[in-house]
Amino acid sequence: MKGLLGKKIGMSQIFMKNGQVVPVTLVEAGPCYVTQIKNGETDGYTAVQMGFGGVKEKRLNKPELGHLNKAGAPSVRFLAEIRMDQTGDVNVGQTLSVGVFEPGDIVDVTGIAKGKGFQGVIKRWGFHRRPMTHGHHYHRAPGSIGMAASPSRVLKGKKMPGRMGGGQKTVSSLEVVRIEEKSNLIAIKGNIPGPKGGYVIIKEAKKSQAR
């Protein structure tokens, strides 16, 4: 399985040779430094830990610096694991670039979604509003949320107002449209989670491995 860490640059569009306009998200992916390899015998699972994004040493604590120095990696801001069935030829201290992917690859992108704050049921769950005239006083309220006599409580999982967004999200089966190795850019079709400047994990989609 192939994977990289990256930073979301923003959205753009690419004109294909047939004249089709494709909306893409530009991601600065790499260079990524392999800092640790985990296997089933010692850790219970197989994964590759990578680091991405430069940062001053004074921003890191001693355990973090010791871990990176042991792997021969520079100070990095973003550290994450990518689960893999087999680590293959990946070694600790190795540097990975966008060259691991090719145009046409299908990937899954994971990131932290934008936080929307406290929202009502219309924005959060897509409820319809109630009538705006004829004596109605509750235009955007959720309406009845439970039963009076039995069970006399609000059932778990009820769609209610609350905090929206901000959690980890994964968008699956996105196509890699273009690779720019000189500038470490990868253009992915469609949109991906997170704001501009947010860190993301790009890994090969499981469906594409079965092909």
C-alpha atoms as a PDB file:
ATOM      1  CA  MET A   1       0.000   0.000   0.000  1.00  0.00           C
ATOM      2  CA  LYS A   2       1.217   3.484  -0.863  1.00  0.00           C
ATOM      3  CA  GLY A   3       0.776   6.477   1.422  1.00  0.00           C
ATOM      4  CA  LEU A   4       1.993   9.998   2.152  1.00  0.00           C
ATOM      5  CA  LEU A   5       1.395  12.910   4.488  1.00  0.00           C
ATOM      6  CA  GLY A   6       0.633  16.336   3.083  1.00  0.00           C
ATOM      7  CA  LYS A   7      -0.736  19.823   3.550  1.00  0.00           C
ATOM      8  CA  LYS A   8      -3.831  21.125   1.783  1.00  0.00           C
ATOM      9  CA  ILE A   9      -2.989  24.106  -0.426  1.00  0.00           C
ATOM     10  CA  GLY A  10      -6.421  24.885  -1.889  1.00  0.00           C
ATOM     11  CA  MET A  11      -8.712  24.116  -4.795  1.00  0.00           C
ATOM     12  CA  SER A  12      -8.159  24.755  -8.486  1.00  0.00           C
ATOM     13  CA  GLN A  13      -9.115  23.279 -11.854  1.00  0.00           C
ATOM     14  CA  ILE A  14      -7.245  21.449 -14.572  1.00  0.00           C
ATOM     15  CA  PHE A  15      -8.035  21.356 -18.271  1.00  0.00           C
ATOM     16  CA  MET A  16      -7.614  17.856 -19.694  1.00  0.00           C
ATOM     17  CA  LYS A  17      -6.459  17.118 -23.253  1.00  0.00           C
ATOM     18  CA  ASN A  18     -10.052  16.467 -24.347  1.00  0.00           C
ATOM     19  CA  GLY A  19     -11.110  19.923 -23.090  1.00  0.00           C
ATOM     20  CA  GLN A  20     -12.811  18.647 -19.937  1.00  0.00           C
ATOM     21  CA  VAL A  21     -12.460  20.845 -16.837  1.00  0.00           C
ATOM     22  CA  VAL A  22     -11.685  18.841 -13.694  1.00  0.00           C
ATOM     23  CA  PRO A  23     -11.985  20.445 -10.214  1.00  0.00           C
ATOM     24  CA  VAL A  24      -8.996  19.420  -8.092  1.00  0.00           C
ATOM     25  CA  THR A  25      -7.528  19.975  -4.647  1.00  0.00           C
ATOM     26  CA  LEU A  26      -3.807  20.744  -4.554  1.00  0.00           C
ATOM     27  CA  VAL A  27      -1.852  19.045  -1.787  1.00  0.00           C
ATOM     28  CA  GLU A  28       1.800  19.539  -0.917  1.00  0.00           C
ATOM     29  CA  ALA A  29       2.752  15.921  -0.226  1.00  0.00           C
ATOM     30  CA  GLY A  30       6.320  15.353   0.807  1.00  0.00           C
ATOM     31  CA  PRO A  31       9.056  15.025   1.403  1.00  0.00           C
ATOM     32  CA  CYS A  32       7.948  12.567   4.093  1.00  0.00           C
ATOM     33  CA  TYR A  33      10.478  10.969   6.431  1.00  0.00           C
ATOM     34  CA  VAL A  34       9.987   7.407   7.655  1.00  0.00           C
ATOM     35  CA  THR A  35      10.487   7.550  11.417  1.00  0.00           C
ATOM     36  CA  GLN A  36       9.314   4.106  12.536  1.00  0.00           C
ATOM     37  CA  ILE A  37       8.109   0.774  11.132  1.00  0.00           C
ATOM     38  CA  LYS A  38       5.694  -1.293  13.198  1.00  0.00           C
ATOM     39  CA  ASN A  39       5.080  -5.012  12.696  1.00  0.00           C
ATOM     40  CA  GLY A  40       2.720  -7.645  13.985  1.00  0.00           C
ATOM     41  CA  GLU A  41       5.264  -9.411  16.176  1.00  0.00           C
ATOM     42  CA  THR A  42       6.180  -6.459  18.398  1.00  0.00           C
ATOM     43  CA  ASP A  43       3.264  -4.042  17.975  1.00  0.00           C
ATOM     44  CA  GLY A  44       0.323  -6.234  16.984  1.00  0.00           C
ATOM     45  CA  TYR A  45      -0.182  -4.522  13.630  1.00  0.00           C
ATOM     46  CA  THR A  46       1.783  -3.410  10.586  1.00  0.00           C
ATOM     47  CA  ALA A  47       2.193   0.288   9.892  1.00  0.00           C
ATOM     48  CA  VAL A  48       4.653   2.931   8.737  1.00  0.00           C
ATOM     49  CA  GLN A  49       5.094   6.092  10.792  1.00  0.00           C
ATOM     50  CA  MET A  50       5.985   9.207   8.789  1.00  0.00           C
ATOM     51  CA  GLY A  51       6.838  12.809   9.545  1.00  0.00           C
ATOM     52  CA  PHE A  52       6.108  15.866   7.416  1.00  0.00           C
ATOM     53  CA  GLY A  53       6.470  19.628   7.651  1.00  0.00           C
ATOM     54  CA  GLY A  54       9.464  21.495   9.024  1.00  0.00           C
ATOM     55  CA  VAL A  55       9.465  22.997  12.499  1.00  0.00           C
ATOM     56  CA  LYS A  56      12.055  24.541  14.839  1.00  0.00           C
ATOM     57  CA  GLU A  57      13.643  22.153  17.305  1.00  0.00           C
ATOM     58  CA  LYS A  58      12.598  24.312  20.255  1.00  0.00           C
ATOM     59  CA  ARG A  59       8.963  23.568  19.375  1.00  0.00           C
ATOM     60  CA  LEU A  60       9.479  19.874  20.147  1.00  0.00           C
ATOM     61  CA  ASN A  61      10.050  18.211  23.511  1.00  0.00           C
ATOM     62  CA  LYS A  62      12.975  15.924  24.315  1.00  0.00           C
ATOM     63  CA  PRO A  63      11.144  12.599  23.696  1.00  0.00           C
ATOM     64  CA  GLU A  64      10.040  13.805  20.272  1.00  0.00           C
ATOM     65  CA  LEU A  65      13.540  15.015  19.369  1.00  0.00           C
ATOM     66  CA  GLY A  66      15.064  11.759  20.573  1.00  0.00           C
ATOM     67  CA  HIS A  67      12.614   9.719  18.504  1.00  0.00           C
ATOM     68  CA  LEU A  68      13.354  11.729  15.351  1.00  0.00           C
ATOM     69  CA  ASN A  69      17.124  11.738  15.908  1.00  0.00           C
ATOM     70  CA  LYS A  70      17.102   7.968  16.332  1.00  0.00           C
ATOM     71  CA  ALA A  71      15.422   7.649  12.921  1.00  0.00           C
ATOM     72  CA  GLY A  72      17.782  10.168  11.334  1.00  0.00           C
ATOM     73  CA  ALA A  73      14.885  12.462  10.465  1.00  0.00           C
ATOM     74  CA  PRO A  74      14.769  16.262  10.783  1.00  0.00           C
ATOM     75  CA  SER A  75      12.372  18.113  13.084  1.00  0.00           C
ATOM     76  CA  VAL A  76       8.833  17.690  11.739  1.00  0.00           C
ATOM     77  CA  ARG A  77       5.521  19.224  12.669  1.00  0.00           C
ATOM     78  CA  PHE A  78       3.135  16.426  11.655  1.00  0.00           C
ATOM     79  CA  LEU A  79       3.660  12.784  12.652  1.00  0.00           C
ATOM     80  CA  ALA A  80       1.206  10.031  11.707  1.00  0.00           C
ATOM     81  CA  GLU A  81       0.925   6.307  11.005  1.00  0.00           C
ATOM     82  CA  ILE A  82      -0.381   4.645   7.872  1.00  0.00           C
ATOM     83  CA  ARG A  83      -1.584   1.065   8.244  1.00  0.00           C
ATOM     84  CA  MET A  84      -0.171  -1.290   5.624  1.00  0.00           C
ATOM     85  CA  ASP A  85      -0.489  -5.005   4.935  1.00  0.00           C
ATOM     86  CA  GLN A  86       3.215  -5.154   4.125  1.00  0.00           C
ATOM     87  CA  THR A  87       5.901  -2.536   4.659  1.00  0.00           C
ATOM     88  CA  GLY A  88       7.746  -3.739   1.563  1.00  0.00           C
ATOM     89  CA  ASP A  89      11.006  -1.934   0.826  1.00  0.00           C
ATOM     90  CA  VAL A  90      10.326   0.985   3.202  1.00  0.00           C
ATOM     91  CA  ASN A  91      13.120   1.549   5.716  1.00  0.00           C
ATOM     92  CA  VAL A  92      13.555   3.849   8.720  1.00  0.00           C
ATOM     93  CA  GLY A  93      15.203   7.100   7.660  1.00  0.00           C
ATOM     94  CA  GLN A  94      13.977   6.817   4.088  1.00  0.00           C
ATOM     95  CA  THR A  95      12.507   9.879   2.357  1.00  0.00           C
ATOM     96  CA  LEU A  96       9.298   9.480   0.339  1.00  0.00           C
ATOM     97  CA  SER A  97       8.022  11.922  -2.268  1.00  0.00           C
ATOM     98  CA  VAL A  98       4.942  12.323  -4.470  1.00  0.00           C
ATOM     99  CA  GLY A  99       6.621   9.962  -6.912  1.00  0.00           C
ATOM    100  CA  VAL A 100       5.100   7.014  -5.043  1.00  0.00           C
ATOM    101  CA  PHE A 101       1.763   7.904  -6.691  1.00  0.00           C
ATOM    102  CA  GLU A 102       0.879   8.076 -10.376  1.00  0.00           C
ATOM    103  CA  PRO A 103      -1.926   9.842 -12.270  1.00  0.00           C
ATOM    104  CA  GLY A 104      -4.958   7.593 -12.273  1.00  0.00           C
ATOM    105  CA  ASP A 105      -4.350   6.119  -8.809  1.00  0.00           C
ATOM    106  CA  ILE A 106      -7.377   5.915  -6.501  1.00  0.00           C
ATOM    107  CA  VAL A 107      -6.734   7.217  -2.982  1.00  0.00           C
ATOM    108  CA  ASP A 108      -8.453   7.830   0.346  1.00  0.00           C
ATOM    109  CA  VAL A 109      -7.770  11.179   2.047  1.00  0.00           C
ATOM    110  CA  THR A 110      -8.130  11.659   5.816  1.00  0.00           C
ATOM    111  CA  GLY A 111      -8.089  15.017   7.588  1.00  0.00           C
ATOM    112  CA  ILE A 112      -9.682  17.123  10.312  1.00  0.00           C
ATOM    113  CA  ALA A 113     -12.890  18.690   8.981  1.00  0.00           C
ATOM    114  CA  LYS A 114     -13.663  22.366   9.419  1.00  0.00           C
ATOM    115  CA  GLY A 115     -15.376  23.167  12.704  1.00  0.00           C
ATOM    116  CA  LYS A 116     -18.816  24.787  12.250  1.00  0.00           C
ATOM    117  CA  GLY A 117     -19.520  25.550  15.902  1.00  0.00           C
ATOM    118  CA  PHE A 118     -22.928  25.053  17.542  1.00  0.00           C
ATOM    119  CA  GLN A 119     -25.592  24.657  14.848  1.00  0.00           C
ATOM    120  CA  GLY A 120     -29.304  23.973  14.723  1.00  0.00           C
ATOM    121  CA  VAL A 121     -31.031  20.991  13.178  1.00  0.00           C
ATOM    122  CA  ILE A 122     -31.575  22.689   9.801  1.00  0.00           C
ATOM    123  CA  LYS A 123     -27.883  23.202   9.061  1.00  0.00           C
ATOM    124  CA  ARG A 124     -26.638  20.204  11.023  1.00  0.00           C
ATOM    125  CA  TRP A 125     -29.077  17.550   9.811  1.00  0.00           C
ATOM    126  CA  GLY A 126     -30.880  19.135   6.855  1.00  0.00           C
ATOM    127  CA  PHE A 127     -34.302  19.477   8.550  1.00  0.00           C
ATOM    128  CA  HIS A 128     -37.028  21.469   6.763  1.00  0.00           C
ATOM    129  CA  ARG A 129     -38.125  24.676   8.435  1.00  0.00           C
ATOM    130  CA  ARG A 130     -41.704  25.149   9.660  1.00  0.00           C
ATOM    131  CA  PRO A 131     -44.162  27.658   8.141  1.00  0.00           C
ATOM    132  CA  MET A 132     -43.146  31.306   8.432  1.00  0.00           C
ATOM    133  CA  THR A 133     -46.738  32.665   8.647  1.00  0.00           C
ATOM    134  CA  HIS A 134     -50.256  31.767   9.846  1.00  0.00           C
ATOM    135  CA  GLY A 135     -49.465  32.044  13.534  1.00  0.00           C
ATOM    136  CA  HIS A 136     -46.444  29.744  13.687  1.00  0.00           C
ATOM    137  CA  HIS A 137     -43.962  30.809  16.344  1.00  0.00           C
ATOM    138  CA  TYR A 138     -41.334  28.069  15.870  1.00  0.00           C
ATOM    139  CA  HIS A 139     -39.752  28.473  12.449  1.00  0.00           C
ATOM    140  CA  ARG A 140     -36.433  26.628  12.849  1.00  0.00           C
ATOM    141  CA  ALA A 141     -37.142  24.566  15.968  1.00  0.00           C
ATOM    142  CA  PRO A 142     -36.744  20.762  15.804  1.00  0.00           C
ATOM    143  CA  GLY A 143     -40.288  20.014  16.978  1.00  0.00           C
ATOM    144  CA  SER A 144     -41.216  17.075  19.218  1.00  0.00           C
ATOM    145  CA  ILE A 145     -38.195  15.146  20.516  1.00  0.00           C
ATOM    146  CA  GLY A 146     -39.783  12.440  22.677  1.00  0.00           C
ATOM    147  CA  MET A 147     -42.877  10.736  24.086  1.00  0.00           C
ATOM    148  CA  ALA A 148     -44.880  11.926  27.095  1.00  0.00           C
ATOM    149  CA  ALA A 149     -46.016   8.749  28.893  1.00  0.00           C
ATOM    150  CA  SER A 150     -43.768   6.002  27.528  1.00  0.00           C
ATOM    151  CA  PRO A 151     -40.791   5.890  27.545  1.00  0.00           C
ATOM    152  CA  SER A 152     -40.877   9.457  28.964  1.00  0.00           C
ATOM    153  CA  ARG A 153     -37.385  10.260  27.752  1.00  0.00           C
ATOM    154  CA  VAL A 154     -35.456  11.278  24.664  1.00  0.00           C
ATOM    155  CA  LEU A 155     -34.135   8.265  22.777  1.00  0.00           C
ATOM    156  CA  LYS A 156     -30.408   7.926  22.202  1.00  0.00           C
ATOM    157  CA  GLY A 157     -29.211   9.071  18.808  1.00  0.00           C
ATOM    158  CA  LYS A 158     -31.928  11.674  18.374  1.00  0.00           C
ATOM    159  CA  LYS A 159     -30.904  14.330  15.846  1.00  0.00           C
ATOM    160  CA  MET A 160     -30.595  17.497  17.874  1.00  0.00           C
ATOM    161  CA  PRO A 161     -28.812  20.866  17.750  1.00  0.00           C
ATOM    162  CA  GLY A 162     -25.171  20.663  18.736  1.00  0.00           C
ATOM    163  CA  ARG A 163     -21.562  20.998  17.771  1.00  0.00           C
ATOM    164  CA  MET A 164     -20.970  20.429  14.075  1.00  0.00           C
ATOM    165  CA  GLY A 165     -17.784  19.463  12.240  1.00  0.00           C
ATOM    166  CA  GLY A 166     -14.266  19.440  13.576  1.00  0.00           C
ATOM    167  CA  GLY A 167     -13.834  15.658  13.668  1.00  0.00           C
ATOM    168  CA  GLN A 168     -11.655  13.355  11.621  1.00  0.00           C
ATOM    169  CA  LYS A 169     -13.173  12.616   8.224  1.00  0.00           C
ATOM    170  CA  THR A 170     -12.148  10.389   5.329  1.00  0.00           C
ATOM    171  CA  VAL A 171     -13.158  10.898   1.711  1.00  0.00           C
ATOM    172  CA  SER A 172     -12.785   7.671  -0.249  1.00  0.00           C
ATOM    173  CA  SER A 173     -12.034   6.738  -3.844  1.00  0.00           C
ATOM    174  CA  LEU A 174     -10.600  10.006  -5.152  1.00  0.00           C
ATOM    175  CA  GLU A 175      -8.567  10.032  -8.356  1.00  0.00           C
ATOM    176  CA  VAL A 176      -5.048  11.400  -8.656  1.00  0.00           C
ATOM    177  CA  VAL A 177      -5.158  13.706 -11.680  1.00  0.00           C
ATOM    178  CA  ARG A 178      -1.636  15.125 -11.831  1.00  0.00           C
ATOM    179  CA  ILE A 179       1.743  14.853 -10.109  1.00  0.00           C
ATOM    180  CA  GLU A 180       4.344  17.645  -9.935  1.00  0.00           C
ATOM    181  CA  GLU A 181       7.473  16.099  -8.445  1.00  0.00           C
ATOM    182  CA  LYS A 182       9.601  19.262  -8.643  1.00  0.00           C
ATOM    183  CA  SER A 183       7.198  21.211  -6.426  1.00  0.00           C
ATOM    184  CA  ASN A 184       5.967  18.176  -4.394  1.00  0.00           C
ATOM    185  CA  LEU A 185       2.380  18.812  -5.483  1.00  0.00           C
ATOM    186  CA  ILE A 186      -0.350  16.275  -6.092  1.00  0.00           C
ATOM    187  CA  ALA A 187      -3.688  17.223  -7.682  1.00  0.00           C
ATOM    188  CA  ILE A 188      -6.611  15.129  -6.405  1.00  0.00           C
ATOM    189  CA  LYS A 189      -9.989  15.217  -8.109  1.00  0.00           C
ATOM    190  CA  GLY A 190     -12.772  16.708  -5.970  1.00  0.00           C
ATOM    191  CA  ASN A 191     -12.577  18.110  -2.449  1.00  0.00           C
ATOM    192  CA  ILE A 192     -10.895  16.772   0.676  1.00  0.00           C
ATOM    193  CA  PRO A 193     -11.485  17.413   4.399  1.00  0.00           C
ATOM    194  CA  GLY A 194     -10.018  20.363   6.253  1.00  0.00           C
ATOM    195  CA  PRO A 195      -9.164  24.032   5.729  1.00  0.00           C
ATOM    196  CA  LYS A 196      -6.291  25.462   3.702  1.00  0.00           C
ATOM    197  CA  GLY A 197      -3.064  24.619   5.455  1.00  0.00           C
ATOM    198  CA  GLY A 198      -4.584  21.587   7.174  1.00  0.00           C
ATOM    199  CA  TYR A 199      -2.591  18.357   7.334  1.00  0.00           C
ATOM    200  CA  VAL A 200      -3.959  15.259   5.612  1.00  0.00           C
ATOM    201  CA  ILE A 201      -3.107  11.581   5.153  1.00  0.00           C
ATOM    202  CA  ILE A 202      -3.191  10.237   1.593  1.00  0.00           C
ATOM    203  CA  LYS A 203      -3.188   6.489   1.131  1.00  0.00           C
ATOM    204  CA  GLU A 204      -4.020   4.069  -1.621  1.00  0.00           C
ATOM    205  CA  ALA A 205      -7.676   3.057  -1.594  1.00  0.00           C
ATOM    206  CA  LYS A 206      -8.410  -0.544  -0.652  1.00  0.00           C
ATOM    207  CA  LYS A 207     -10.628  -0.977  -3.692  1.00  0.00           C
ATOM    208  CA  SER A 208      -7.773  -0.086  -6.039  1.00  0.00           C
ATOM    209  CA  GLN A 209      -5.582  -2.833  -4.562  1.00  0.00           C
ATOM    210  CA  ALA A 210      -8.052  -5.501  -5.653  1.00  0.00           C
ATOM    211  CA  ARG A 211      -7.764  -4.485  -9.312  1.00  0.00           C
END
